Amino acid sequence: MSGANRLVIFDCDGTLADGEHLIAEAMTLMFDREGLVAPTRAAVQRVIGLSLADAMAVLVPEAEAREHERLAQSYKEAFLAMRKARGNPVEPLYPGVIEALEALSDANFLLAVATGKSLRGLQRVLAAHDIGHHFISLQTADHHPSKPHPSMIQTAMVDAGAVPETTLMIGDTSYDMAMARSAGAFGIGVTWGYHGADELTAAGAQHLIDDFSALVPLAHRLTEMTHDQPAA
């Protein structure tokens, strides 16, 4: 795989940034506006990472697909209204994010994001923390099927000139790990997000990390052999 670049793909909410409190608040606002019983915080955590229509299908299973799409749009409007009312708060980064991104970039890894957020929402987070320059590929729910479909990873690999054997997917949900498995990439689960360690492993996580300091040496170790191996 000597001609393939090494690529590390990150999920956003629950992996790079903690957006759960804003998502839960906007979800409650939307359900109240719609006259529906708001989901519990635990139920909201379960769907973070899915595209919005798929999340609505989980939260409102009795509704039809057309209604799921409408509720997804209603959530977007509620989220924008909530953020404006609160002075446009930004999701905080988890400890060690900036250091890990800088270390990976310095070691010639290419970086990407694969997220259920919209491109607009992702760019807002990246710009607020001044980390957008680290990423050569941004894959979002706007142009892909929902996770765990492998489309986001596959497109990021094309953008980066990487192959599955030199690609790592870093995420906090079973959807991220199942997506990595479907794409043939390494699935690295983080334990500070929204799904438990056992669930990440069951979905295909090959390794778990408890903080970002463990990521850089693990990325080197997993990609070293395939990156240096001569092409057949």
Protein backbone atom coordinates (compact mmCIF):
# COMPACT_ATOMS: atom_id res chain seq x y z
CA MET A 1 0.00 0.00 0.00
CA SER A 2 3.01 2.30 -0.47
CA GLY A 3 1.07 4.61 -2.79
CA ALA A 4 -1.88 5.09 -0.44
CA ASN A 5 -2.13 8.00 1.95
CA ARG A 6 -2.93 7.50 5.62
CA LEU A 7 -6.31 8.93 6.55
CA VAL A 8 -7.96 9.52 9.93
CA ILE A 9 -11.69 10.30 9.78
CA PHE A 10 -13.47 11.78 12.79
CA ASP A 11 -17.10 11.87 13.75
CA CYS A 12 -18.10 15.28 15.18
CA ASP A 13 -20.75 15.21 17.94
CA GLY A 14 -19.62 12.93 20.75
CA THR A 15 -16.12 12.56 19.32
CA LEU A 16 -14.60 15.97 18.54
CA ALA A 17 -17.23 18.15 20.19
CA ASP A 18 -19.85 17.70 22.88
CA GLY A 19 -23.09 18.79 21.21
CA GLU A 20 -25.48 16.64 23.21
CA HIS A 21 -26.87 19.40 25.45
CA LEU A 22 -27.68 21.67 22.50
CA ILE A 23 -29.20 18.81 20.49
CA ALA A 24 -31.36 17.69 23.43
CA GLU A 25 -32.54 21.24 24.10
CA ALA A 26 -33.47 21.81 20.46
CA MET A 27 -35.18 18.42 20.29
CA THR A 28 -37.33 19.25 23.31
CA LEU A 29 -38.24 22.62 21.78
CA MET A 30 -39.22 21.02 18.48
CA PHE A 31 -41.34 18.29 20.07
CA ASP A 32 -43.11 20.88 22.23
CA ARG A 33 -43.85 23.00 19.15
CA GLU A 34 -45.22 19.95 17.38
CA GLY A 35 -47.43 18.98 20.32
CA LEU A 36 -45.56 15.72 20.80
CA VAL A 37 -44.17 14.14 23.95
CA ALA A 38 -40.48 15.06 24.06
CA PRO A 39 -38.01 12.14 24.09
CA THR A 40 -35.86 11.50 27.12
CA ARG A 41 -32.24 12.64 27.20
CA ALA A 42 -31.19 8.99 26.88
CA ALA A 43 -33.39 8.54 23.80
CA VAL A 44 -31.84 11.62 22.18
CA GLN A 45 -28.35 10.30 22.89
CA ARG A 46 -29.23 7.08 21.08
CA VAL A 47 -29.90 8.87 17.77
CA ILE A 48 -27.01 11.36 17.76
CA GLY A 49 -24.94 10.50 14.71
CA LEU A 50 -27.84 9.49 12.50
CA SER A 51 -29.12 11.74 9.75
CA LEU A 52 -32.09 13.75 10.99
CA ALA A 53 -34.82 11.89 9.11
CA ASP A 54 -33.45 8.58 10.36
CA ALA A 55 -33.28 9.98 13.89
CA MET A 56 -36.94 11.01 13.64
CA ALA A 57 -37.82 7.52 12.44
CA VAL A 58 -36.37 6.15 15.67
CA LEU A 59 -37.95 8.78 17.92
CA VAL A 60 -41.37 8.80 16.21
CA PRO A 61 -41.64 5.27 14.77
CA GLU A 62 -45.41 5.49 14.28
CA ALA A 63 -45.08 8.33 11.74
CA GLU A 64 -44.60 7.84 8.00
CA ALA A 65 -41.43 8.69 6.07
CA ARG A 66 -42.87 11.97 4.80
CA GLU A 67 -43.58 13.05 8.38
CA HIS A 68 -40.05 12.11 9.43
CA GLU A 69 -38.70 14.46 6.76
CA ARG A 70 -41.00 17.24 7.94
CA LEU A 71 -39.97 16.76 11.56
CA ALA A 72 -36.32 16.85 10.52
CA GLN A 73 -36.88 20.28 8.96
CA SER A 74 -38.80 21.39 12.03
CA TYR A 75 -35.85 20.35 14.20
CA LYS A 76 -33.45 22.43 12.07
CA GLU A 77 -35.66 25.46 12.59
CA ALA A 78 -35.91 24.81 16.32
CA PHE A 79 -32.15 24.40 16.61
CA LEU A 80 -31.49 27.73 14.90
CA ALA A 81 -34.10 29.46 17.07
CA MET A 82 -32.66 27.94 20.23
CA ARG A 83 -29.11 28.97 19.34
CA LYS A 84 -30.18 32.53 18.54
CA ALA A 85 -32.10 32.82 21.81
CA ARG A 86 -29.05 31.58 23.74
CA GLY A 87 -26.55 33.89 22.06
CA ASN A 88 -25.24 31.36 19.52
CA PRO A 89 -23.36 28.99 21.83
CA VAL A 90 -20.81 26.66 20.26
CA GLU A 91 -20.32 23.01 21.11
CA PRO A 92 -17.11 22.68 23.21
CA LEU A 93 -14.28 20.47 22.03
CA TYR A 94 -13.30 17.49 24.13
CA PRO A 95 -9.92 17.68 25.89
CA GLY A 96 -6.96 16.87 23.67
CA VAL A 97 -8.65 17.43 20.30
CA ILE A 98 -6.41 20.24 19.08
CA GLU A 99 -3.22 18.51 20.21
CA ALA A 100 -4.23 15.26 18.48
CA LEU A 101 -5.12 17.02 15.22
CA GLU A 102 -1.82 18.88 15.19
CA ALA A 103 0.19 15.75 15.97
CA LEU A 104 -1.52 13.72 13.27
CA SER A 105 -1.08 16.49 10.70
CA ASP A 106 2.61 16.84 11.63
CA ALA A 107 3.00 13.08 11.11
CA ASN A 108 1.58 13.36 7.56
CA PHE A 109 -1.79 11.81 8.24
CA LEU A 110 -4.61 13.32 6.21
CA LEU A 111 -7.71 14.17 8.22
CA ALA A 112 -11.42 14.17 7.43
CA VAL A 113 -14.81 14.39 9.12
CA ALA A 114 -17.82 12.11 8.61
CA THR A 115 -20.85 13.33 10.53
CA GLY A 116 -24.62 13.26 10.66
CA LYS A 117 -24.55 17.06 11.03
CA SER A 118 -25.27 19.34 8.11
CA LEU A 119 -22.30 20.91 6.34
CA ARG A 120 -23.39 24.29 7.66
CA GLY A 121 -23.45 23.01 11.23
CA LEU A 122 -20.10 21.28 10.91
CA GLN A 123 -18.41 24.31 9.38
CA ARG A 124 -19.75 26.46 12.22
CA VAL A 125 -18.11 24.20 14.82
CA LEU A 126 -14.81 23.97 12.94
CA ALA A 127 -14.65 27.74 12.37
CA ALA A 128 -15.52 28.55 15.99
CA HIS A 129 -12.55 26.48 17.20
CA ASP A 130 -10.27 27.38 14.26
CA ILE A 131 -9.60 23.75 13.35
CA GLY A 132 -11.09 23.58 9.85
CA HIS A 133 -7.69 23.87 8.17
CA HIS A 134 -6.73 20.42 9.44
CA PHE A 135 -9.33 18.62 7.30
CA ILE A 136 -9.08 17.85 3.60
CA SER A 137 -12.53 16.23 3.34
CA LEU A 138 -15.84 17.07 5.06
CA GLN A 139 -18.56 14.46 4.61
CA THR A 140 -21.98 15.31 6.02
CA ALA A 141 -25.60 14.22 6.02
CA ASP A 142 -26.43 16.69 3.23
CA HIS A 143 -25.07 14.45 0.47
CA HIS A 144 -24.93 10.93 1.89
CA PRO A 145 -27.17 8.18 3.21
CA SER A 146 -27.27 8.04 6.98
CA LYS A 147 -24.67 6.13 8.93
CA PRO A 148 -23.91 3.23 9.04
CA HIS A 149 -23.90 3.30 5.23
CA PRO A 150 -20.21 3.45 4.17
CA SER A 151 -20.66 6.28 1.64
CA MET A 152 -19.06 9.01 3.78
CA ILE A 153 -15.91 6.97 4.41
CA GLN A 154 -15.68 5.86 0.80
CA THR A 155 -15.89 9.43 -0.47
CA ALA A 156 -13.34 10.67 2.06
CA MET A 157 -10.93 7.94 0.97
CA VAL A 158 -11.26 9.04 -2.65
CA ASP A 159 -10.63 12.66 -1.65
CA ALA A 160 -7.54 11.66 0.33
CA GLY A 161 -6.09 9.02 -2.00
CA ALA A 162 -6.40 6.48 0.80
CA VAL A 163 -7.54 2.85 0.89
CA PRO A 164 -9.40 0.95 3.62
CA GLU A 165 -6.17 -0.56 4.97
CA THR A 166 -4.74 2.93 5.61
CA THR A 167 -7.95 4.53 6.92
CA LEU A 168 -9.12 4.91 10.52
CA MET A 169 -12.64 5.94 11.54
CA ILE A 170 -12.79 7.56 14.98
CA GLY A 171 -16.25 7.69 16.54
CA ASP A 172 -18.37 7.35 19.66
CA THR A 173 -21.39 5.44 18.37
CA SER A 174 -22.21 2.01 17.06
CA TYR A 175 -23.19 3.71 13.79
CA ASP A 176 -19.61 4.93 13.33
CA MET A 177 -18.15 1.50 14.01
CA ALA A 178 -20.61 -0.28 11.73
CA MET A 179 -19.84 2.26 9.01
CA ALA A 180 -16.12 1.61 9.37
CA ARG A 181 -16.66 -2.13 9.21
CA SER A 182 -18.78 -1.78 6.06
CA ALA A 183 -16.08 0.32 4.42
CA GLY A 184 -13.26 -2.03 5.45
CA ALA A 185 -11.56 0.69 7.54
CA PHE A 186 -10.21 0.44 11.07
CA GLY A 187 -12.92 1.32 13.60
CA ILE A 188 -11.61 3.14 16.69
CA GLY A 189 -14.22 3.77 19.38
CA VAL A 190 -13.94 6.59 21.89
CA THR A 191 -15.34 6.00 25.36
CA TRP A 192 -16.28 9.61 26.20
CA GLY A 193 -19.22 9.84 23.80
CA TYR A 194 -22.82 8.67 23.61
CA HIS A 195 -22.66 4.86 23.22
CA GLY A 196 -21.08 2.46 25.67
CA ALA A 197 -17.83 0.55 25.19
CA ASP A 198 -19.57 -2.83 24.91
CA GLU A 199 -21.86 -1.50 22.21
CA LEU A 200 -18.94 -0.05 20.26
CA THR A 201 -17.12 -3.36 20.36
CA ALA A 202 -20.22 -5.29 19.32
CA ALA A 203 -20.66 -2.97 16.34
CA GLY A 204 -17.14 -3.63 15.11
CA ALA A 205 -14.72 -1.38 17.01
CA GLN A 206 -11.25 -2.90 16.75
CA HIS A 207 -9.80 -0.68 19.44
CA LEU A 208 -11.15 1.63 22.16
CA ILE A 209 -9.43 4.75 23.47
CA ASP A 210 -10.17 6.64 26.68
CA ASP A 211 -8.53 9.92 25.67
CA PHE A 212 -7.02 11.54 22.60
CA SER A 213 -3.45 11.05 23.77
CA ALA A 214 -3.80 7.35 22.89
CA LEU A 215 -4.86 8.04 19.30
CA VAL A 216 -1.62 9.17 17.68
CA PRO A 217 0.54 6.14 18.64
CA LEU A 218 -2.35 3.82 17.79
CA ALA A 219 -2.77 5.43 14.36
CA HIS A 220 0.93 4.94 13.66
CA ARG A 221 0.83 1.32 14.75
CA LEU A 222 -2.27 0.37 12.76
CA THR A 223 -1.16 1.98 9.51
CA GLU A 224 2.58 1.41 9.66
CA MET A 225 2.61 -2.08 8.19
CA THR A 226 0.15 -1.44 5.36
CA HIS A 227 1.54 2.00 4.56
CA ASP A 228 5.08 0.71 4.19
CA GLN A 229 4.20 -2.52 2.41
CA PRO A 230 5.24 -2.51 -1.29
CA ALA A 231 2.36 -2.61 -3.74
CA ALA A 232 1.76 -6.04 -5.28
